[in-house]
């Protein structure tokens, strides 16, 4: 699978939440013990996107969590987003996004390879389509030649990290990354939206919906 699709999955939560405000959630997982005792790893700022994508491919599986609040017609709507990633097969990457609003509505999206399944709030069945990969990647990802500015060492959720900042060319906003000693993101922030990553290398179970539950379109 092209690296642009891997970057698409990494950027997906930020793209879904880009118009809201959020507070980060506490992250737990296997990274904490590893990071506290290992020497700090620095991603090459001039090769930032490429090295970040490679680190996540080597990790294989992980999850991310976010909580966002958006003002709409005088009301504040809060939603939580949980994403599971499985990159163990580079030719068949899997992503499962679950978004819950405080009004009880839930939306799910599953991407397996180039096939995208979506279940809207209140729907009985999933819709299915083939992703326009090049267009989607261009809309949601950082180009592989993106460079970064290194801010310095910081501790996030008890994990030793290095803080980097890049300019997101699509949203036109600065984007911050806190990278652990294995080159993986512990937290990303854009426009006050915090996304925490955890569960590195831990099992996830992402499956396509049963065909009887899927409509084309």
C-alpha atoms as a PDB file:
ATOM      1  CA  UNK A   1       0.000   0.000   0.000  1.00  0.00           C
ATOM      2  CA  UNK A   2       1.354   3.485  -0.808  1.00  0.00           C
ATOM      3  CA  UNK A   3       2.747   5.381   2.171  1.00  0.00           C
ATOM      4  CA  UNK A   4       0.246   8.150   1.460  1.00  0.00           C
ATOM      5  CA  UNK A   5      -2.512   5.807   2.664  1.00  0.00           C
ATOM      6  CA  UNK A   6      -0.620   5.090   5.854  1.00  0.00           C
ATOM      7  CA  UNK A   7      -0.341   8.821   6.426  1.00  0.00           C
ATOM      8  CA  UNK A   8      -4.063   9.120   5.671  1.00  0.00           C
ATOM      9  CA  UNK A   9      -4.862   6.790   8.541  1.00  0.00           C
ATOM     10  CA  UNK A  10      -2.503   8.635  10.880  1.00  0.00           C
ATOM     11  CA  UNK A  11      -4.086  11.968  10.005  1.00  0.00           C
ATOM     12  CA  UNK A  12      -7.660  10.703   9.974  1.00  0.00           C
ATOM     13  CA  UNK A  13      -8.625  11.666  13.513  1.00  0.00           C
ATOM     14  CA  UNK A  14      -7.271  15.177  13.116  1.00  0.00           C
ATOM     15  CA  UNK A  15      -9.166  15.603   9.875  1.00  0.00           C
ATOM     16  CA  UNK A  16     -12.418  14.331  11.388  1.00  0.00           C
ATOM     17  CA  UNK A  17     -12.111  16.700  14.348  1.00  0.00           C
ATOM     18  CA  UNK A  18     -10.476  19.705  12.742  1.00  0.00           C
ATOM     19  CA  UNK A  19     -13.296  22.180  13.404  1.00  0.00           C
ATOM     20  CA  UNK A  20     -13.707  21.512  17.129  1.00  0.00           C
ATOM     21  CA  UNK A  21     -11.979  22.100  20.453  1.00  0.00           C
ATOM     22  CA  UNK A  22     -10.845  19.172  22.553  1.00  0.00           C
ATOM     23  CA  UNK A  23      -9.127  18.013  25.659  1.00  0.00           C
ATOM     24  CA  UNK A  24      -6.763  15.052  25.577  1.00  0.00           C
ATOM     25  CA  UNK A  25      -7.420  11.790  27.326  1.00  0.00           C
ATOM     26  CA  UNK A  26      -5.007   9.876  29.536  1.00  0.00           C
ATOM     27  CA  UNK A  27      -3.106   7.269  27.543  1.00  0.00           C
ATOM     28  CA  UNK A  28      -1.923   3.906  28.764  1.00  0.00           C
ATOM     29  CA  UNK A  29      -0.073   1.164  26.939  1.00  0.00           C
ATOM     30  CA  UNK A  30       3.193  -0.609  26.400  1.00  0.00           C
ATOM     31  CA  UNK A  31       5.076   2.535  25.369  1.00  0.00           C
ATOM     32  CA  UNK A  32       5.405   3.961  28.907  1.00  0.00           C
ATOM     33  CA  UNK A  33       7.848   1.468  30.386  1.00  0.00           C
ATOM     34  CA  UNK A  34       9.881   1.363  27.184  1.00  0.00           C
ATOM     35  CA  UNK A  35      10.177   5.120  26.856  1.00  0.00           C
ATOM     36  CA  UNK A  36      11.155   5.828  30.459  1.00  0.00           C
ATOM     37  CA  UNK A  37      14.374   3.789  30.261  1.00  0.00           C
ATOM     38  CA  UNK A  38      15.479   4.197  26.641  1.00  0.00           C
ATOM     39  CA  UNK A  39      17.690   6.868  25.176  1.00  0.00           C
ATOM     40  CA  UNK A  40      15.773   9.633  23.436  1.00  0.00           C
ATOM     41  CA  UNK A  41      15.225   9.109  19.708  1.00  0.00           C
ATOM     42  CA  UNK A  42      15.236  12.168  17.474  1.00  0.00           C
ATOM     43  CA  UNK A  43      13.420  12.128  14.149  1.00  0.00           C
ATOM     44  CA  UNK A  44      15.306  13.982  11.434  1.00  0.00           C
ATOM     45  CA  UNK A  45      13.343  17.269  11.151  1.00  0.00           C
ATOM     46  CA  UNK A  46      14.160  17.429   7.436  1.00  0.00           C
ATOM     47  CA  UNK A  47      12.718  13.951   6.882  1.00  0.00           C
ATOM     48  CA  UNK A  48       9.932  14.141   9.466  1.00  0.00           C
ATOM     49  CA  UNK A  49       6.882  12.691   7.682  1.00  0.00           C
ATOM     50  CA  UNK A  50       8.823   9.830   6.103  1.00  0.00           C
ATOM     51  CA  UNK A  51      10.411   8.709   9.392  1.00  0.00           C
ATOM     52  CA  UNK A  52       7.120   9.023  11.309  1.00  0.00           C
ATOM     53  CA  UNK A  53       5.278   6.840   8.793  1.00  0.00           C
ATOM     54  CA  UNK A  54       8.058   4.224   8.874  1.00  0.00           C
ATOM     55  CA  UNK A  55       7.918   4.081  12.688  1.00  0.00           C
ATOM     56  CA  UNK A  56       4.154   3.498  12.679  1.00  0.00           C
ATOM     57  CA  UNK A  57       4.431   0.767  10.056  1.00  0.00           C
ATOM     58  CA  UNK A  58       7.006  -1.007  12.233  1.00  0.00           C
ATOM     59  CA  UNK A  59       4.706  -0.655  15.266  1.00  0.00           C
ATOM     60  CA  UNK A  60       1.958  -2.566  13.464  1.00  0.00           C
ATOM     61  CA  UNK A  61      -1.003  -1.885  15.763  1.00  0.00           C
ATOM     62  CA  UNK A  62      -2.057   0.982  18.025  1.00  0.00           C
ATOM     63  CA  UNK A  63      -5.068   3.081  19.036  1.00  0.00           C
ATOM     64  CA  UNK A  64      -5.878   6.775  19.376  1.00  0.00           C
ATOM     65  CA  UNK A  65      -8.460   8.642  21.471  1.00  0.00           C
ATOM     66  CA  UNK A  66      -9.857  12.155  21.423  1.00  0.00           C
ATOM     67  CA  UNK A  67     -12.685  14.199  22.903  1.00  0.00           C
ATOM     68  CA  UNK A  68     -13.974  17.225  20.987  1.00  0.00           C
ATOM     69  CA  UNK A  69     -16.508  19.953  21.687  1.00  0.00           C
ATOM     70  CA  UNK A  70     -18.099  21.966  18.868  1.00  0.00           C
ATOM     71  CA  UNK A  71     -20.484  24.928  19.212  1.00  0.00           C
ATOM     72  CA  UNK A  72     -23.476  24.491  16.888  1.00  0.00           C
ATOM     73  CA  UNK A  73     -26.526  26.790  16.890  1.00  0.00           C
ATOM     74  CA  UNK A  74     -25.786  27.915  20.416  1.00  0.00           C
ATOM     75  CA  UNK A  75     -25.305  24.404  21.739  1.00  0.00           C
ATOM     76  CA  UNK A  76     -22.084  22.616  22.616  1.00  0.00           C
ATOM     77  CA  UNK A  77     -21.892  19.156  21.090  1.00  0.00           C
ATOM     78  CA  UNK A  78     -19.270  16.858  22.574  1.00  0.00           C
ATOM     79  CA  UNK A  79     -18.024  13.753  20.802  1.00  0.00           C
ATOM     80  CA  UNK A  80     -15.431  11.107  21.526  1.00  0.00           C
ATOM     81  CA  UNK A  81     -13.475   9.408  18.788  1.00  0.00           C
ATOM     82  CA  UNK A  82     -11.669   6.092  19.168  1.00  0.00           C
ATOM     83  CA  UNK A  83      -9.555   4.708  16.315  1.00  0.00           C
ATOM     84  CA  UNK A  84      -7.925   1.297  16.046  1.00  0.00           C
ATOM     85  CA  UNK A  85      -5.120   0.784  13.519  1.00  0.00           C
ATOM     86  CA  UNK A  86      -3.677  -2.430  12.078  1.00  0.00           C
ATOM     87  CA  UNK A  87      -0.680  -1.964   9.770  1.00  0.00           C
ATOM     88  CA  UNK A  88       0.737  -5.475  10.128  1.00  0.00           C
ATOM     89  CA  UNK A  89      -0.030  -6.120   6.439  1.00  0.00           C
ATOM     90  CA  UNK A  90       1.217  -3.075   4.477  1.00  0.00           C
ATOM     91  CA  UNK A  91      -0.866  -4.116   1.450  1.00  0.00           C
ATOM     92  CA  UNK A  92      -4.076  -4.405   3.453  1.00  0.00           C
ATOM     93  CA  UNK A  93      -4.031  -1.733   6.137  1.00  0.00           C
ATOM     94  CA  UNK A  94      -7.051  -1.713   8.476  1.00  0.00           C
ATOM     95  CA  UNK A  95      -8.584   1.205  10.406  1.00  0.00           C
ATOM     96  CA  UNK A  96     -11.733   1.260  12.564  1.00  0.00           C
ATOM     97  CA  UNK A  97     -13.127   4.650  13.649  1.00  0.00           C
ATOM     98  CA  UNK A  98     -15.905   4.919  16.232  1.00  0.00           C
ATOM     99  CA  UNK A  99     -17.359   8.386  16.932  1.00  0.00           C
ATOM    100  CA  UNK A 100     -19.877   8.943  19.741  1.00  0.00           C
ATOM    101  CA  UNK A 101     -21.743  12.189  20.368  1.00  0.00           C
ATOM    102  CA  UNK A 102     -23.148  13.165  23.749  1.00  0.00           C
ATOM    103  CA  UNK A 103     -26.664  12.938  22.277  1.00  0.00           C
ATOM    104  CA  UNK A 104     -26.154   9.194  21.902  1.00  0.00           C
ATOM    105  CA  UNK A 105     -25.481   9.131  18.158  1.00  0.00           C
ATOM    106  CA  UNK A 106     -22.730   6.805  16.958  1.00  0.00           C
ATOM    107  CA  UNK A 107     -20.989   6.689  13.584  1.00  0.00           C
ATOM    108  CA  UNK A 108     -18.532   4.003  12.516  1.00  0.00           C
ATOM    109  CA  UNK A 109     -16.079   3.821   9.634  1.00  0.00           C
ATOM    110  CA  UNK A 110     -13.959   0.803   8.712  1.00  0.00           C
ATOM    111  CA  UNK A 111     -11.217   0.936   6.087  1.00  0.00           C
ATOM    112  CA  UNK A 112      -9.701  -2.333   4.876  1.00  0.00           C
ATOM    113  CA  UNK A 113      -7.256  -1.819   2.041  1.00  0.00           C
ATOM    114  CA  UNK A 114      -9.055   0.415  -0.454  1.00  0.00           C
ATOM    115  CA  UNK A 115     -12.562  -0.507   0.719  1.00  0.00           C
ATOM    116  CA  UNK A 116     -14.362   1.874   3.068  1.00  0.00           C
ATOM    117  CA  UNK A 117     -17.454   0.886   5.074  1.00  0.00           C
ATOM    118  CA  UNK A 118     -19.546   3.519   6.848  1.00  0.00           C
ATOM    119  CA  UNK A 119     -22.473   3.231   9.226  1.00  0.00           C
ATOM    120  CA  UNK A 120     -24.244   6.517   9.896  1.00  0.00           C
ATOM    121  CA  UNK A 121     -26.145   7.286  13.115  1.00  0.00           C
ATOM    122  CA  UNK A 122     -29.444   5.403  13.156  1.00  0.00           C
ATOM    123  CA  UNK A 123     -28.631   3.339  10.054  1.00  0.00           C
ATOM    124  CA  UNK A 124     -29.431  -0.363  10.013  1.00  0.00           C
ATOM    125  CA  UNK A 125     -26.771  -1.235   7.453  1.00  0.00           C
ATOM    126  CA  UNK A 126     -23.297  -0.232   6.354  1.00  0.00           C
ATOM    127  CA  UNK A 127     -22.573   1.504   3.045  1.00  0.00           C
ATOM    128  CA  UNK A 128     -19.533   0.444   1.042  1.00  0.00           C
ATOM    129  CA  UNK A 129     -17.332   2.155  -1.501  1.00  0.00           C
ATOM    130  CA  UNK A 130     -13.826   2.032  -2.948  1.00  0.00           C
ATOM    131  CA  UNK A 131     -11.609   4.831  -1.652  1.00  0.00           C
ATOM    132  CA  UNK A 132     -10.258   7.357  -4.124  1.00  0.00           C
ATOM    133  CA  UNK A 133      -6.867   6.980  -2.502  1.00  0.00           C
ATOM    134  CA  UNK A 134      -4.914   9.743  -4.216  1.00  0.00           C
ATOM    135  CA  UNK A 135      -7.625  12.364  -3.680  1.00  0.00           C
ATOM    136  CA  UNK A 136      -8.216  11.330  -0.075  1.00  0.00           C
ATOM    137  CA  UNK A 137      -4.528  11.331   0.769  1.00  0.00           C
ATOM    138  CA  UNK A 138      -4.023  14.764  -0.761  1.00  0.00           C
ATOM    139  CA  UNK A 139      -6.903  16.146   1.313  1.00  0.00           C
ATOM    140  CA  UNK A 140      -5.919  14.738   4.680  1.00  0.00           C
ATOM    141  CA  UNK A 141      -2.192  14.092   4.928  1.00  0.00           C
ATOM    142  CA  UNK A 142       1.096  15.809   5.324  1.00  0.00           C
ATOM    143  CA  UNK A 143       3.298  15.472   2.214  1.00  0.00           C
ATOM    144  CA  UNK A 144       6.184  13.053   2.703  1.00  0.00           C
ATOM    145  CA  UNK A 145       8.649  15.919   2.207  1.00  0.00           C
ATOM    146  CA  UNK A 146       7.203  17.831   5.196  1.00  0.00           C
ATOM    147  CA  UNK A 147       9.908  19.221   7.478  1.00  0.00           C
ATOM    148  CA  UNK A 148       9.595  19.939  11.199  1.00  0.00           C
ATOM    149  CA  UNK A 149      10.992  22.248  13.861  1.00  0.00           C
ATOM    150  CA  UNK A 150      12.304  20.493  16.966  1.00  0.00           C
ATOM    151  CA  UNK A 151      11.009  22.198  20.127  1.00  0.00           C
ATOM    152  CA  UNK A 152      12.731  19.991  22.711  1.00  0.00           C
ATOM    153  CA  UNK A 153      12.207  17.183  25.250  1.00  0.00           C
ATOM    154  CA  UNK A 154       8.910  16.953  27.155  1.00  0.00           C
ATOM    155  CA  UNK A 155       7.129  14.314  29.260  1.00  0.00           C
ATOM    156  CA  UNK A 156       3.597  13.406  28.109  1.00  0.00           C
ATOM    157  CA  UNK A 157       1.463  10.962  30.127  1.00  0.00           C
ATOM    158  CA  UNK A 158       4.627   9.918  31.957  1.00  0.00           C
ATOM    159  CA  UNK A 159       6.408   9.101  28.696  1.00  0.00           C
ATOM    160  CA  UNK A 160       9.674  10.717  27.598  1.00  0.00           C
ATOM    161  CA  UNK A 161       9.105  12.443  24.257  1.00  0.00           C
ATOM    162  CA  UNK A 162      10.593  14.975  21.872  1.00  0.00           C
ATOM    163  CA  UNK A 163       8.271  17.811  20.803  1.00  0.00           C
ATOM    164  CA  UNK A 164       8.177  18.771  17.096  1.00  0.00           C
ATOM    165  CA  UNK A 165       6.053  21.282  15.179  1.00  0.00           C
ATOM    166  CA  UNK A 166       5.098  21.330  11.499  1.00  0.00           C
ATOM    167  CA  UNK A 167       2.788  23.492   9.407  1.00  0.00           C
ATOM    168  CA  UNK A 168      -0.194  21.547   8.086  1.00  0.00           C
ATOM    169  CA  UNK A 169      -0.471  22.710   4.447  1.00  0.00           C
ATOM    170  CA  UNK A 170      -4.139  21.738   4.138  1.00  0.00           C
ATOM    171  CA  UNK A 171      -5.526  23.322   7.298  1.00  0.00           C
ATOM    172  CA  UNK A 172      -2.971  26.146   7.332  1.00  0.00           C
ATOM    173  CA  UNK A 173      -2.348  25.633  11.046  1.00  0.00           C
ATOM    174  CA  UNK A 174       0.676  24.566  13.086  1.00  0.00           C
ATOM    175  CA  UNK A 175       0.579  20.913  14.121  1.00  0.00           C
ATOM    176  CA  UNK A 176       2.489  19.575  17.132  1.00  0.00           C
ATOM    177  CA  UNK A 177       3.827  16.065  17.617  1.00  0.00           C
ATOM    178  CA  UNK A 178       5.271  14.492  20.756  1.00  0.00           C
ATOM    179  CA  UNK A 179       7.382  11.529  19.635  1.00  0.00           C
ATOM    180  CA  UNK A 180       8.533   8.707  21.940  1.00  0.00           C
ATOM    181  CA  UNK A 181      11.930   6.986  21.964  1.00  0.00           C
ATOM    182  CA  UNK A 182      10.860   4.628  19.165  1.00  0.00           C
ATOM    183  CA  UNK A 183       9.739   7.433  16.865  1.00  0.00           C
ATOM    184  CA  UNK A 184       6.003   6.945  17.511  1.00  0.00           C
ATOM    185  CA  UNK A 185       3.511   9.717  18.336  1.00  0.00           C
ATOM    186  CA  UNK A 186       2.341   9.855  21.947  1.00  0.00           C
ATOM    187  CA  UNK A 187       0.241  12.969  21.311  1.00  0.00           C
ATOM    188  CA  UNK A 188      -0.622  15.228  18.387  1.00  0.00           C
ATOM    189  CA  UNK A 189      -2.277  18.637  18.630  1.00  0.00           C
ATOM    190  CA  UNK A 190      -3.762  20.929  16.029  1.00  0.00           C
ATOM    191  CA  UNK A 191      -5.916  23.991  16.803  1.00  0.00           C
ATOM    192  CA  UNK A 192      -6.180  22.813  20.460  1.00  0.00           C
ATOM    193  CA  UNK A 193      -7.361  19.338  19.407  1.00  0.00           C
ATOM    194  CA  UNK A 194      -5.334  16.774  21.360  1.00  0.00           C
ATOM    195  CA  UNK A 195      -5.063  13.181  20.187  1.00  0.00           C
ATOM    196  CA  UNK A 196      -3.396  10.594  22.417  1.00  0.00           C
ATOM    197  CA  UNK A 197      -1.910   7.352  21.087  1.00  0.00           C
ATOM    198  CA  UNK A 198      -1.437   4.112  23.044  1.00  0.00           C
ATOM    199  CA  UNK A 199      -1.594   0.318  22.837  1.00  0.00           C
ATOM    200  CA  UNK A 200       1.475   0.055  20.619  1.00  0.00           C
ATOM    201  CA  UNK A 201       1.848  -3.520  19.353  1.00  0.00           C
ATOM    202  CA  UNK A 202      -1.208  -4.764  21.238  1.00  0.00           C
ATOM    203  CA  UNK A 203      -3.819  -6.894  19.415  1.00  0.00           C
ATOM    204  CA  UNK A 204      -6.744  -5.274  17.603  1.00  0.00           C
ATOM    205  CA  UNK A 205      -9.557  -7.050  15.771  1.00  0.00           C
ATOM    206  CA  UNK A 206     -10.743  -5.127  12.705  1.00  0.00           C
ATOM    207  CA  UNK A 207     -13.090  -7.057  10.419  1.00  0.00           C
ATOM    208  CA  UNK A 208     -15.283  -6.125   7.473  1.00  0.00           C
ATOM    209  CA  UNK A 209     -19.025  -6.145   8.233  1.00  0.00           C
ATOM    210  CA  UNK A 210     -20.962  -9.257   7.262  1.00  0.00           C
ATOM    211  CA  UNK A 211     -21.996  -8.949   3.567  1.00  0.00           C
ATOM    212  CA  UNK A 212     -25.662  -9.218   4.557  1.00  0.00           C
ATOM    213  CA  UNK A 213     -25.230  -5.958   6.526  1.00  0.00           C
ATOM    214  CA  UNK A 214     -23.695  -3.971   3.633  1.00  0.00           C
ATOM    215  CA  UNK A 215     -25.270  -1.938   0.838  1.00  0.00           C
ATOM    216  CA  UNK A 216     -23.287  -0.538  -2.099  1.00  0.00           C
ATOM    217  CA  UNK A 217     -22.990   3.217  -2.544  1.00  0.00           C
END
